[in-house]
PDB file of N, CA and C in Angstrom:
ATOM      1  N   MET A   1      14.652   3.392   4.646  1.00  0.00           N
ATOM      2  CA  MET A   1      13.446   2.946   5.333  1.00  0.00           C
ATOM      3  C   MET A   1      13.832   3.052   6.643  1.00  0.00           C
ATOM      4  N   SER A   2      12.584   3.357   7.443  1.00  0.00           N
ATOM      5  CA  SER A   2      12.716   3.597   8.889  1.00  0.00           C
ATOM      6  C   SER A   2      11.721   2.702   9.460  1.00  0.00           C
ATOM      7  N   PHE A   3      12.497   1.673  10.138  1.00  0.00           N
ATOM      8  CA  PHE A   3      11.250   0.654  11.094  1.00  0.00           C
ATOM      9  C   PHE A   3      11.208   0.886  12.411  1.00  0.00           C
ATOM     10  N   ILE A   4      10.372   0.198  13.178  1.00  0.00           N
ATOM     11  CA  ILE A   4      10.465   0.169  14.623  1.00  0.00           C
ATOM     12  C   ILE A   4       9.991  -1.401  14.758  1.00  0.00           C
ATOM     13  N   SER A   5      10.444  -2.044  15.892  1.00  0.00           N
ATOM     14  CA  SER A   5      10.133  -3.261  16.366  1.00  0.00           C
ATOM     15  C   SER A   5       8.594  -3.507  16.878  1.00  0.00           C
ATOM     16  N   ARG A   6       7.885  -4.588  16.947  1.00  0.00           N
ATOM     17  CA  ARG A   6       6.577  -4.448  17.427  1.00  0.00           C
ATOM     18  C   ARG A   6       6.700  -4.501  19.334  1.00  0.00           C
ATOM     19  N   GLN A   7       7.739  -4.851  19.600  1.00  0.00           N
ATOM     20  CA  GLN A   7       8.016  -4.964  20.938  1.00  0.00           C
ATOM     21  C   GLN A   7       8.133  -3.402  21.533  1.00  0.00           C
ATOM     22  N   ASP A   8       9.009  -2.465  20.904  1.00  0.00           N
ATOM     23  CA  ASP A   8       9.166  -0.982  21.030  1.00  0.00           C
ATOM     24  C   ASP A   8       7.592  -0.306  20.617  1.00  0.00           C
ATOM     25  N   SER A   9       6.992  -0.843  19.534  1.00  0.00           N
ATOM     26  CA  SER A   9       5.657  -0.136  18.982  1.00  0.00           C
ATOM     27  C   SER A   9       4.730  -0.346  20.453  1.00  0.00           C
ATOM     28  N   ALA A  10       4.658  -1.561  20.790  1.00  0.00           N
ATOM     29  CA  ALA A  10       3.785  -1.896  22.110  1.00  0.00           C
ATOM     30  C   ALA A  10       3.898  -0.970  23.310  1.00  0.00           C
ATOM     31  N   GLU A  11       5.228  -0.819  23.404  1.00  0.00           N
ATOM     32  CA  GLU A  11       5.663  -0.201  24.620  1.00  0.00           C
ATOM     33  C   GLU A  11       5.026   1.343  24.149  1.00  0.00           C
ATOM     34  N   ALA A  12       5.418   1.934  23.202  1.00  0.00           N
ATOM     35  CA  ALA A  12       4.815   3.263  23.106  1.00  0.00           C
ATOM     36  C   ALA A  12       3.389   3.284  23.273  1.00  0.00           C
ATOM     37  N   ILE A  13       2.623   2.642  22.405  1.00  0.00           N
ATOM     38  CA  ILE A  13       1.187   2.437  22.570  1.00  0.00           C
ATOM     39  C   ILE A  13       0.790   2.242  24.018  1.00  0.00           C
ATOM     40  N   ALA A  14       1.251   1.523  24.590  1.00  0.00           N
ATOM     41  CA  ALA A  14       1.164   1.458  26.104  1.00  0.00           C
ATOM     42  C   ALA A  14       1.098   2.532  26.633  1.00  0.00           C
ATOM     43  N   ASN A  15       2.152   3.025  26.638  1.00  0.00           N
ATOM     44  CA  ASN A  15       2.630   4.520  27.365  1.00  0.00           C
ATOM     45  C   ASN A  15       1.462   5.628  26.923  1.00  0.00           C
ATOM     46  N   VAL A  16       0.902   5.560  25.785  1.00  0.00           N
ATOM     47  CA  VAL A  16      -0.140   6.706  25.307  1.00  0.00           C
ATOM     48  C   VAL A  16      -1.220   6.235  26.149  1.00  0.00           C
ATOM     49  N   ALA A  17      -1.622   4.919  25.978  1.00  0.00           N
ATOM     50  CA  ALA A  17      -2.588   4.640  26.644  1.00  0.00           C
ATOM     51  C   ALA A  17      -2.799   4.964  28.200  1.00  0.00           C
ATOM     52  N   VAL A  18      -2.050   4.672  28.863  1.00  0.00           N
ATOM     53  CA  VAL A  18      -1.909   5.128  30.354  1.00  0.00           C
ATOM     54  C   VAL A  18      -1.373   6.530  30.688  1.00  0.00           C
ATOM     55  N   LYS A  19      -1.098   7.292  29.614  1.00  0.00           N
ATOM     56  CA  LYS A  19      -0.650   8.761  30.177  1.00  0.00           C
ATOM     57  C   LYS A  19      -1.512   9.978  29.334  1.00  0.00           C
ATOM     58  N   PRO A  20      -2.849  10.326  29.740  1.00  0.00           N
ATOM     59  CA  PRO A  20      -3.350  11.028  29.148  1.00  0.00           C
ATOM     60  C   PRO A  20      -2.570  12.452  28.236  1.00  0.00           C
ATOM     61  N   TYR A  21      -2.016  12.928  28.822  1.00  0.00           N
ATOM     62  CA  TYR A  21      -0.983  13.948  28.229  1.00  0.00           C
ATOM     63  C   TYR A  21      -0.710  13.672  27.031  1.00  0.00           C
ATOM     64  N   LEU A  22      -0.441  12.536  26.886  1.00  0.00           N
ATOM     65  CA  LEU A  22       0.273  12.054  25.222  1.00  0.00           C
ATOM     66  C   LEU A  22      -0.623  11.880  24.562  1.00  0.00           C
ATOM     67  N   ARG A  23      -2.148  12.151  24.575  1.00  0.00           N
ATOM     68  CA  ARG A  23      -3.376  11.992  23.930  1.00  0.00           C
ATOM     69  C   ARG A  23      -4.187  13.010  24.181  1.00  0.00           C
ATOM     70  N   ASP A  24      -4.070  13.859  25.116  1.00  0.00           N
ATOM     71  CA  ASP A  24      -5.600  14.766  25.369  1.00  0.00           C
ATOM     72  C   ASP A  24      -5.412  15.856  24.094  1.00  0.00           C
ATOM     73  N   LYS A  25      -4.708  15.792  23.488  1.00  0.00           N
ATOM     74  CA  LYS A  25      -4.906  17.001  22.395  1.00  0.00           C
ATOM     75  C   LYS A  25      -5.004  16.565  20.708  1.00  0.00           C
ATOM     76  N   GLY A  26      -5.254  15.082  21.032  1.00  0.00           N
ATOM     77  CA  GLY A  26      -5.631  14.377  19.585  1.00  0.00           C
ATOM     78  C   GLY A  26      -4.000  14.416  18.786  1.00  0.00           C
ATOM     79  N   GLN A  27      -3.302  14.321  19.527  1.00  0.00           N
ATOM     80  CA  GLN A  27      -1.569  14.035  19.086  1.00  0.00           C
ATOM     81  C   GLN A  27      -1.885  12.784  18.153  1.00  0.00           C
ATOM     82  N   ASN A  28      -0.508  13.027  17.245  1.00  0.00           N
ATOM     83  CA  ASN A  28      -0.330  11.927  15.981  1.00  0.00           C
ATOM     84  C   ASN A  28       1.165  11.604  16.335  1.00  0.00           C
ATOM     85  N   TYR A  29       1.175  10.434  16.396  1.00  0.00           N
ATOM     86  CA  TYR A  29       2.864   9.682  16.321  1.00  0.00           C
ATOM     87  C   TYR A  29       3.451   9.213  15.317  1.00  0.00           C
ATOM     88  N   LEU A  30       4.763   9.106  15.030  1.00  0.00           N
ATOM     89  CA  LEU A  30       5.008   8.155  14.094  1.00  0.00           C
ATOM     90  C   LEU A  30       6.330   8.060  14.643  1.00  0.00           C
ATOM     91  N   LEU A  31       6.191   6.323  15.032  1.00  0.00           N
ATOM     92  CA  LEU A  31       6.987   5.549  15.383  1.00  0.00           C
ATOM     93  C   LEU A  31       8.137   5.025  14.461  1.00  0.00           C
ATOM     94  N   THR A  32       9.351   5.458  14.706  1.00  0.00           N
ATOM     95  CA  THR A  32      10.244   4.700  13.979  1.00  0.00           C
ATOM     96  C   THR A  32      11.843   4.675  14.708  1.00  0.00           C
ATOM     97  N   MET A  33      12.660   3.730  14.121  1.00  0.00           N
ATOM     98  CA  MET A  33      13.859   3.585  14.747  1.00  0.00           C
ATOM     99  C   MET A  33      14.610   5.161  14.346  1.00  0.00           C
ATOM    100  N   SER A  34      15.961   5.280  15.156  1.00  0.00           N
ATOM    101  CA  SER A  34      16.384   6.470  14.962  1.00  0.00           C
ATOM    102  C   SER A  34      16.954   6.628  13.838  1.00  0.00           C
ATOM    103  N   LYS A  35      17.094   5.846  12.836  1.00  0.00           N
ATOM    104  CA  LYS A  35      17.834   5.894  11.865  1.00  0.00           C
ATOM    105  C   LYS A  35      16.937   5.883  10.474  1.00  0.00           C
ATOM    106  N   ASN A  36      17.248   6.049   9.130  1.00  0.00           N
ATOM    107  CA  ASN A  36      16.745   5.568   8.002  1.00  0.00           C
ATOM    108  C   ASN A  36      18.105   4.826   7.405  1.00  0.00           C
ATOM    109  N   TYR A  37      17.411   3.572   6.841  1.00  0.00           N
ATOM    110  CA  TYR A  37      18.222   2.670   6.286  1.00  0.00           C
ATOM    111  C   TYR A  37      17.908   2.642   4.626  1.00  0.00           C
ATOM    112  N   THR A  38      19.050   2.559   3.764  1.00  0.00           N
ATOM    113  CA  THR A  38      18.704   2.165   2.648  1.00  0.00           C
ATOM    114  C   THR A  38      18.844   0.300   2.376  1.00  0.00           C
ATOM    115  N   MET A  39      18.628   0.110   1.234  1.00  0.00           N
ATOM    116  CA  MET A  39      18.525  -1.544   1.162  1.00  0.00           C
ATOM    117  C   MET A  39      19.961  -1.866   1.538  1.00  0.00           C
ATOM    118  N   PRO A  40      21.073  -1.277   0.488  1.00  0.00           N
ATOM    119  CA  PRO A  40      22.350  -1.764   0.316  1.00  0.00           C
ATOM    120  C   PRO A  40      22.624  -1.795   1.920  1.00  0.00           C
ATOM    121  N   GLU A  41      22.357  -0.810   2.916  1.00  0.00           N
ATOM    122  CA  GLU A  41      23.102  -0.801   4.419  1.00  0.00           C
ATOM    123  C   GLU A  41      22.282  -1.903   4.920  1.00  0.00           C
ATOM    124  N   LEU A  42      21.103  -1.900   5.022  1.00  0.00           N
ATOM    125  CA  LEU A  42      20.480  -3.041   5.495  1.00  0.00           C
ATOM    126  C   LEU A  42      20.945  -4.569   5.110  1.00  0.00           C
ATOM    127  N   SER A  43      21.481  -4.890   4.090  1.00  0.00           N
ATOM    128  CA  SER A  43      22.119  -6.034   3.398  1.00  0.00           C
ATOM    129  C   SER A  43      23.436  -5.875   4.285  1.00  0.00           C
ATOM    130  N   TYR A  44      24.055  -5.025   4.403  1.00  0.00           N
ATOM    131  CA  TYR A  44      25.445  -5.177   5.150  1.00  0.00           C
ATOM    132  C   TYR A  44      25.044  -5.553   6.524  1.00  0.00           C
ATOM    133  N   ILE A  45      24.232  -4.940   7.255  1.00  0.00           N
ATOM    134  CA  ILE A  45      24.031  -5.309   8.669  1.00  0.00           C
ATOM    135  C   ILE A  45      23.781  -6.576   8.659  1.00  0.00           C
ATOM    136  N   MET A  46      23.003  -7.088   7.716  1.00  0.00           N
ATOM    137  CA  MET A  46      22.454  -8.566   7.827  1.00  0.00           C
ATOM    138  C   MET A  46      23.426  -9.393   7.414  1.00  0.00           C
ATOM    139  N   THR A  47      24.172  -9.070   6.784  1.00  0.00           N
ATOM    140  CA  THR A  47      25.482  -9.983   6.263  1.00  0.00           C
ATOM    141  C   THR A  47      26.460 -10.158   7.753  1.00  0.00           C
ATOM    142  N   ASN A  48      26.621  -8.781   8.453  1.00  0.00           N
ATOM    143  CA  ASN A  48      27.531  -9.041   9.536  1.00  0.00           C
ATOM    144  C   ASN A  48      26.706  -9.703  10.611  1.00  0.00           C
ATOM    145  N   VAL A  49      25.287  -9.508  10.823  1.00  0.00           N
ATOM    146  CA  VAL A  49      24.625 -10.649  11.722  1.00  0.00           C
ATOM    147  C   VAL A  49      24.485 -12.015  11.289  1.00  0.00           C
ATOM    148  N   THR A  50      24.173 -12.183  10.290  1.00  0.00           N
ATOM    149  CA  THR A  50      24.192 -13.424   9.901  1.00  0.00           C
ATOM    150  C   THR A  50      25.607 -14.487   9.786  1.00  0.00           C
ATOM    151  N   GLY A  51      26.666 -13.610   9.358  1.00  0.00           N
ATOM    152  CA  GLY A  51      27.774 -14.370   8.789  1.00  0.00           C
ATOM    153  C   GLY A  51      27.316 -14.825   7.127  1.00  0.00           C
ATOM    154  N   GLU A  52      26.427 -14.641   6.861  1.00  0.00           N
ATOM    155  CA  GLU A  52      26.182 -15.071   5.176  1.00  0.00           C
ATOM    156  C   GLU A  52      26.066 -13.812   4.419  1.00  0.00           C
ATOM    157  N   LYS A  53      26.624 -13.547   3.275  1.00  0.00           N
ATOM    158  CA  LYS A  53      26.784 -12.903   2.150  1.00  0.00           C
ATOM    159  C   LYS A  53      24.799 -12.812   1.754  1.00  0.00           C
ATOM    160  N   ILE A  54      24.685 -11.258   2.189  1.00  0.00           N
ATOM    161  CA  ILE A  54      23.080 -10.926   1.749  1.00  0.00           C
ATOM    162  C   ILE A  54      23.370  -9.699   0.991  1.00  0.00           C
ATOM    163  N   GLY A  55      22.866  -9.711  -0.402  1.00  0.00           N
ATOM    164  CA  GLY A  55      22.936  -8.861  -1.147  1.00  0.00           C
ATOM    165  C   GLY A  55      21.783  -7.866  -1.331  1.00  0.00           C
ATOM    166  N   TYR A  56      21.679  -7.291  -2.361  1.00  0.00           N
ATOM    167  CA  TYR A  56      20.732  -6.275  -2.385  1.00  0.00           C
ATOM    168  C   TYR A  56      20.221  -6.175  -4.049  1.00  0.00           C
ATOM    169  N   ASP A  57      19.302  -6.543  -4.999  1.00  0.00           N
ATOM    170  CA  ASP A  57      19.082  -6.846  -6.130  1.00  0.00           C
ATOM    171  C   ASP A  57      17.802  -6.410  -6.469  1.00  0.00           C
ATOM    172  N   PRO A  58      17.613  -4.954  -6.627  1.00  0.00           N
ATOM    173  CA  PRO A  58      15.919  -4.558  -7.101  1.00  0.00           C
ATOM    174  C   PRO A  58      15.502  -5.663  -7.805  1.00  0.00           C
ATOM    175  N   VAL A  59      14.148  -5.809  -7.603  1.00  0.00           N
ATOM    176  CA  VAL A  59      13.130  -6.451  -8.611  1.00  0.00           C
ATOM    177  C   VAL A  59      11.918  -5.685  -8.546  1.00  0.00           C
ATOM    178  N   THR A  60      10.974  -5.860  -9.429  1.00  0.00           N
ATOM    179  CA  THR A  60       9.795  -5.244  -9.745  1.00  0.00           C
ATOM    180  C   THR A  60       8.775  -5.438  -8.598  1.00  0.00           C
ATOM    181  N   VAL A  61       7.961  -4.725  -8.022  1.00  0.00           N
ATOM    182  CA  VAL A  61       6.849  -4.974  -6.840  1.00  0.00           C
ATOM    183  C   VAL A  61       5.983  -6.412  -7.460  1.00  0.00           C
ATOM    184  N   LYS A  62       6.004  -6.966  -8.520  1.00  0.00           N
ATOM    185  CA  LYS A  62       4.929  -7.760  -8.984  1.00  0.00           C
ATOM    186  C   LYS A  62       6.084  -9.279  -8.584  1.00  0.00           C
ATOM    187  N   ARG A  63       7.290  -9.108  -9.067  1.00  0.00           N
ATOM    188  CA  ARG A  63       8.234 -10.342  -8.631  1.00  0.00           C
ATOM    189  C   ARG A  63       8.766 -10.424  -7.157  1.00  0.00           C
ATOM    190  N   PHE A  64       8.511  -9.083  -6.609  1.00  0.00           N
ATOM    191  CA  PHE A  64       8.644  -9.288  -5.053  1.00  0.00           C
ATOM    192  C   PHE A  64       7.606  -9.825  -4.329  1.00  0.00           C
ATOM    193  N   ALA A  65       6.569  -9.727  -4.865  1.00  0.00           N
ATOM    194  CA  ALA A  65       5.005 -10.094  -4.444  1.00  0.00           C
ATOM    195  C   ALA A  65       5.281 -11.555  -4.827  1.00  0.00           C
ATOM    196  N   GLU A  66       5.543 -12.058  -5.864  1.00  0.00           N
ATOM    197  CA  GLU A  66       5.728 -13.570  -6.286  1.00  0.00           C
ATOM    198  C   GLU A  66       6.468 -14.494  -5.357  1.00  0.00           C
ATOM    199  N   THR A  67       7.617 -13.682  -4.847  1.00  0.00           N
ATOM    200  CA  THR A  67       8.698 -14.272  -3.910  1.00  0.00           C
ATOM    201  C   THR A  67       8.003 -14.780  -2.714  1.00  0.00           C
ATOM    202  N   TYR A  68       7.486 -13.850  -2.309  1.00  0.00           N
ATOM    203  CA  TYR A  68       6.649 -14.079  -0.726  1.00  0.00           C
ATOM    204  C   TYR A  68       5.348 -14.626  -0.637  1.00  0.00           C
ATOM    205  N   ALA A  69       5.082 -14.948  -1.660  1.00  0.00           N
ATOM    206  CA  ALA A  69       3.549 -15.316  -2.038  1.00  0.00           C
ATOM    207  C   ALA A  69       3.283 -16.828  -1.260  1.00  0.00           C
ATOM    208  N   ALA A  70       4.151 -17.653  -1.473  1.00  0.00           N
ATOM    209  CA  ALA A  70       4.073 -18.650  -0.418  1.00  0.00           C
ATOM    210  C   ALA A  70       4.044 -18.449   0.975  1.00  0.00           C
ATOM    211  N   GLU A  71       4.444 -17.302   1.493  1.00  0.00           N
ATOM    212  CA  GLU A  71       4.327 -17.418   2.963  1.00  0.00           C
ATOM    213  C   GLU A  71       3.046 -16.580   2.988  1.00  0.00           C
ATOM    214  N   GLY A  72       2.050 -16.270   2.280  1.00  0.00           N
ATOM    215  CA  GLY A  72       0.642 -15.584   2.793  1.00  0.00           C
ATOM    216  C   GLY A  72       0.933 -14.205   2.850  1.00  0.00           C
ATOM    217  N   ASP A  73       2.261 -13.501   2.667  1.00  0.00           N
ATOM    218  CA  ASP A  73       1.923 -12.070   2.801  1.00  0.00           C
ATOM    219  C   ASP A  73       2.996 -11.364   1.667  1.00  0.00           C
ATOM    220  N   GLY A  74       2.674 -11.971   0.336  1.00  0.00           N
ATOM    221  CA  GLY A  74       3.493 -11.245  -0.601  1.00  0.00           C
ATOM    222  C   GLY A  74       3.060 -10.055  -1.135  1.00  0.00           C
ATOM    223  N   ASN A  75       1.730  -9.820  -1.018  1.00  0.00           N
ATOM    224  CA  ASN A  75       1.112  -8.408  -1.447  1.00  0.00           C
ATOM    225  C   ASN A  75       1.555  -7.266  -0.253  1.00  0.00           C
ATOM    226  N   GLU A  76       1.238  -7.559   0.851  1.00  0.00           N
ATOM    227  CA  GLU A  76       1.670  -6.964   2.180  1.00  0.00           C
ATOM    228  C   GLU A  76       2.785  -6.660   1.713  1.00  0.00           C
ATOM    229  N   LEU A  77       4.060  -7.483   1.799  1.00  0.00           N
ATOM    230  CA  LEU A  77       5.431  -6.829   1.893  1.00  0.00           C
ATOM    231  C   LEU A  77       5.627  -6.150   0.567  1.00  0.00           C
ATOM    232  N   ALA A  78       5.053  -6.473  -0.520  1.00  0.00           N
ATOM    233  CA  ALA A  78       5.428  -5.860  -1.899  1.00  0.00           C
ATOM    234  C   ALA A  78       4.824  -4.363  -1.625  1.00  0.00           C
ATOM    235  N   SER A  79       3.480  -4.149  -1.382  1.00  0.00           N
ATOM    236  CA  SER A  79       3.214  -2.786  -0.878  1.00  0.00           C
ATOM    237  C   SER A  79       4.418  -1.846  -0.064  1.00  0.00           C
ATOM    238  N   MET A  80       4.699  -2.778   0.847  1.00  0.00           N
ATOM    239  CA  MET A  80       5.821  -1.691   1.867  1.00  0.00           C
ATOM    240  C   MET A  80       7.250  -1.834   0.867  1.00  0.00           C
ATOM    241  N   TYR A  81       7.378  -2.808  -0.149  1.00  0.00           N
ATOM    242  CA  TYR A  81       8.621  -2.504  -0.841  1.00  0.00           C
ATOM    243  C   TYR A  81       8.343  -1.236  -1.933  1.00  0.00           C
ATOM    244  N   GLN A  82       7.237  -1.252  -2.173  1.00  0.00           N
ATOM    245  CA  GLN A  82       6.936  -0.193  -3.257  1.00  0.00           C
ATOM    246  C   GLN A  82       7.016   1.345  -2.800  1.00  0.00           C
ATOM    247  N   ALA A  83       6.146   1.098  -1.626  1.00  0.00           N
ATOM    248  CA  ALA A  83       6.210   2.480  -0.903  1.00  0.00           C
ATOM    249  C   ALA A  83       7.602   2.962  -0.304  1.00  0.00           C
ATOM    250  N   ALA A  84       8.388   1.832  -0.221  1.00  0.00           N
ATOM    251  CA  ALA A  84       9.994   2.222   0.345  1.00  0.00           C
ATOM    252  C   ALA A  84      11.008   2.900  -0.814  1.00  0.00           C
ATOM    253  N   ALA A  85      10.083   2.218  -2.121  1.00  0.00           N
ATOM    254  CA  ALA A  85      10.868   2.800  -3.527  1.00  0.00           C
ATOM    255  C   ALA A  85      10.533   4.126  -3.702  1.00  0.00           C
ATOM    256  N   MET A  86       9.227   4.178  -3.399  1.00  0.00           N
ATOM    257  CA  MET A  86       8.841   5.515  -3.354  1.00  0.00           C
ATOM    258  C   MET A  86       9.378   6.738  -2.486  1.00  0.00           C
ATOM    259  N   GLY A  87      10.168   6.431  -1.581  1.00  0.00           N
ATOM    260  CA  GLY A  87      10.509   7.250  -0.465  1.00  0.00           C
ATOM    261  C   GLY A  87       9.211   7.518   0.567  1.00  0.00           C
ATOM    262  N   LEU A  88       8.431   6.524   0.744  1.00  0.00           N
ATOM    263  CA  LEU A  88       7.313   7.084   1.747  1.00  0.00           C
ATOM    264  C   LEU A  88       7.491   6.412   3.156  1.00  0.00           C
ATOM    265  N   MET A  89       8.845   5.781   3.227  1.00  0.00           N
ATOM    266  CA  MET A  89       9.143   4.945   4.461  1.00  0.00           C
ATOM    267  C   MET A  89      10.335   5.595   4.964  1.00  0.00           C
ATOM    268  N   ASN A  90      10.764   6.999   4.593  1.00  0.00           N
ATOM    269  CA  ASN A  90      12.192   7.688   5.060  1.00  0.00           C
ATOM    270  C   ASN A  90      12.041   8.640   6.084  1.00  0.00           C
ATOM    271  N   ARG A  91      10.843   8.784   6.416  1.00  0.00           N
ATOM    272  CA  ARG A  91      10.873   9.597   7.711  1.00  0.00           C
ATOM    273  C   ARG A  91      11.095   9.149   8.798  1.00  0.00           C
ATOM    274  N   VAL A  92      12.082   9.747   9.944  1.00  0.00           N
ATOM    275  CA  VAL A  92      12.485   9.280  10.962  1.00  0.00           C
ATOM    276  C   VAL A  92      11.926  10.735  12.095  1.00  0.00           C
ATOM    277  N   THR A  93      11.500   9.908  13.179  1.00  0.00           N
ATOM    278  CA  THR A  93      10.904  11.070  14.047  1.00  0.00           C
ATOM    279  C   THR A  93      11.743  10.698  15.625  1.00  0.00           C
ATOM    280  N   ASP A  94      11.557  11.593  16.404  1.00  0.00           N
ATOM    281  CA  ASP A  94      11.816  11.326  17.935  1.00  0.00           C
ATOM    282  C   ASP A  94      10.480  11.097  18.554  1.00  0.00           C
ATOM    283  N   ASP A  95       9.462  10.651  18.309  1.00  0.00           N
ATOM    284  CA  ASP A  95       8.370  10.550  18.831  1.00  0.00           C
ATOM    285  C   ASP A  95       8.503   9.523  20.133  1.00  0.00           C
ATOM    286  N   PHE A  96       9.194   8.191  19.467  1.00  0.00           N
ATOM    287  CA  PHE A  96       9.460   7.109  20.192  1.00  0.00           C
ATOM    288  C   PHE A  96       9.877   7.785  21.560  1.00  0.00           C
ATOM    289  N   VAL A  97      11.247   8.486  21.294  1.00  0.00           N
ATOM    290  CA  VAL A  97      12.033   8.740  22.728  1.00  0.00           C
ATOM    291  C   VAL A  97      11.161   9.691  23.327  1.00  0.00           C
ATOM    292  N   TYR A  98      10.235  10.673  22.647  1.00  0.00           N
ATOM    293  CA  TYR A  98       9.353  11.581  23.786  1.00  0.00           C
ATOM    294  C   TYR A  98       8.137  10.904  24.250  1.00  0.00           C
ATOM    295  N   ILE A  99       7.862   9.820  23.936  1.00  0.00           N
ATOM    296  CA  ILE A  99       6.581   8.918  24.544  1.00  0.00           C
ATOM    297  C   ILE A  99       7.497   7.912  25.538  1.00  0.00           C
ATOM    298  N   THR A 100       8.446   7.347  25.526  1.00  0.00           N
ATOM    299  CA  THR A 100       8.681   6.152  26.480  1.00  0.00           C
ATOM    300  C   THR A 100      10.136   6.880  27.288  1.00  0.00           C
ATOM    301  N   GLY A 101      10.698   8.222  26.867  1.00  0.00           N
ATOM    302  CA  GLY A 101      12.093   8.453  27.504  1.00  0.00           C
ATOM    303  C   GLY A 101      13.228   7.731  27.263  1.00  0.00           C
ATOM    304  N   HIS A 102      13.588   6.808  26.173  1.00  0.00           N
ATOM    305  CA  HIS A 102      14.867   6.023  25.785  1.00  0.00           C
ATOM    306  C   HIS A 102      14.614   5.849  24.536  1.00  0.00           C
ATOM    307  N   GLN A 103      15.927   5.650  23.831  1.00  0.00           N
ATOM    308  CA  GLN A 103      15.874   4.972  22.276  1.00  0.00           C
ATOM    309  C   GLN A 103      15.097   3.799  21.943  1.00  0.00           C
ATOM    310  N   PRO A 104      14.824   3.583  20.788  1.00  0.00           N
ATOM    311  CA  PRO A 104      14.011   2.435  20.032  1.00  0.00           C
ATOM    312  C   PRO A 104      15.316   1.345  20.074  1.00  0.00           C
ATOM    313  N   THR A 105      14.981   0.025  19.841  1.00  0.00           N
ATOM    314  CA  THR A 105      16.031  -1.019  19.573  1.00  0.00           C
ATOM    315  C   THR A 105      16.464  -0.840  18.349  1.00  0.00           C
ATOM    316  N   ASP A 106      17.770  -0.564  18.093  1.00  0.00           N
ATOM    317  CA  ASP A 106      18.459  -0.344  16.523  1.00  0.00           C
ATOM    318  C   ASP A 106      18.550  -1.779  15.550  1.00  0.00           C
ATOM    319  N   MET A 107      18.374  -1.219  14.578  1.00  0.00           N
ATOM    320  CA  MET A 107      18.346  -2.722  13.311  1.00  0.00           C
ATOM    321  C   MET A 107      19.332  -3.830  13.905  1.00  0.00           C
ATOM    322  N   LYS A 108      20.631  -3.177  14.008  1.00  0.00           N
ATOM    323  CA  LYS A 108      21.715  -4.358  14.298  1.00  0.00           C
ATOM    324  C   LYS A 108      21.217  -5.214  15.498  1.00  0.00           C
ATOM    325  N   GLU A 109      21.039  -4.102  16.785  1.00  0.00           N
ATOM    326  CA  GLU A 109      20.725  -4.950  17.821  1.00  0.00           C
ATOM    327  C   GLU A 109      19.384  -6.027  17.797  1.00  0.00           C
ATOM    328  N   PHE A 110      18.308  -5.469  17.242  1.00  0.00           N
ATOM    329  CA  PHE A 110      17.320  -5.848  16.800  1.00  0.00           C
ATOM    330  C   PHE A 110      17.385  -7.578  16.238  1.00  0.00           C
ATOM    331  N   LEU A 111      18.171  -7.351  14.795  1.00  0.00           N
ATOM    332  CA  LEU A 111      18.427  -8.826  14.157  1.00  0.00           C
ATOM    333  C   LEU A 111      19.287  -9.571  15.277  1.00  0.00           C
ATOM    334  N   ILE A 112      20.350  -8.926  15.973  1.00  0.00           N
ATOM    335  CA  ILE A 112      21.119  -9.788  16.656  1.00  0.00           C
ATOM    336  C   ILE A 112      20.163 -10.725  18.059  1.00  0.00           C
ATOM    337  N   LYS A 113      19.493 -10.197  18.400  1.00  0.00           N
ATOM    338  CA  LYS A 113      18.126 -10.766  19.341  1.00  0.00           C
ATOM    339  C   LYS A 113      17.431 -11.575  18.981  1.00  0.00           C
ATOM    340  N   ASN A 114      17.259 -11.374  17.381  1.00  0.00           N
ATOM    341  CA  ASN A 114      15.990 -12.050  16.904  1.00  0.00           C
ATOM    342  C   ASN A 114      16.634 -13.192  15.764  1.00  0.00           C
ATOM    343  N   TYR A 115      17.870 -12.919  15.453  1.00  0.00           N
ATOM    344  CA  TYR A 115      18.115 -14.101  14.565  1.00  0.00           C
ATOM    345  C   TYR A 115      18.544 -15.317  14.930  1.00  0.00           C
TER     346      TYR A 115
END
């Protein structure tokens, strides 16, 4: 899966809003981090950042939704879980770099800052 932080997304969107050349031809952008992560890779990074063993044990989409239902976003998260399982979140682009001139925050750095 490929992610990008809300802060990085906001920076890119603000750049597009104020720089007409980034939008004057109807351009579309896909904002991602510079790496595509597997669930085992994410669990490894999360284990290193938190100091707690975090594993990955695939579940059904229904079970995933039930797990997060109490937080109010079970269905939303389950749809992303399903999309990732189908390979729909694998794409990585340089669009963020093109728009901002620098790399987006990587996953480990993001987790260290936000954990």
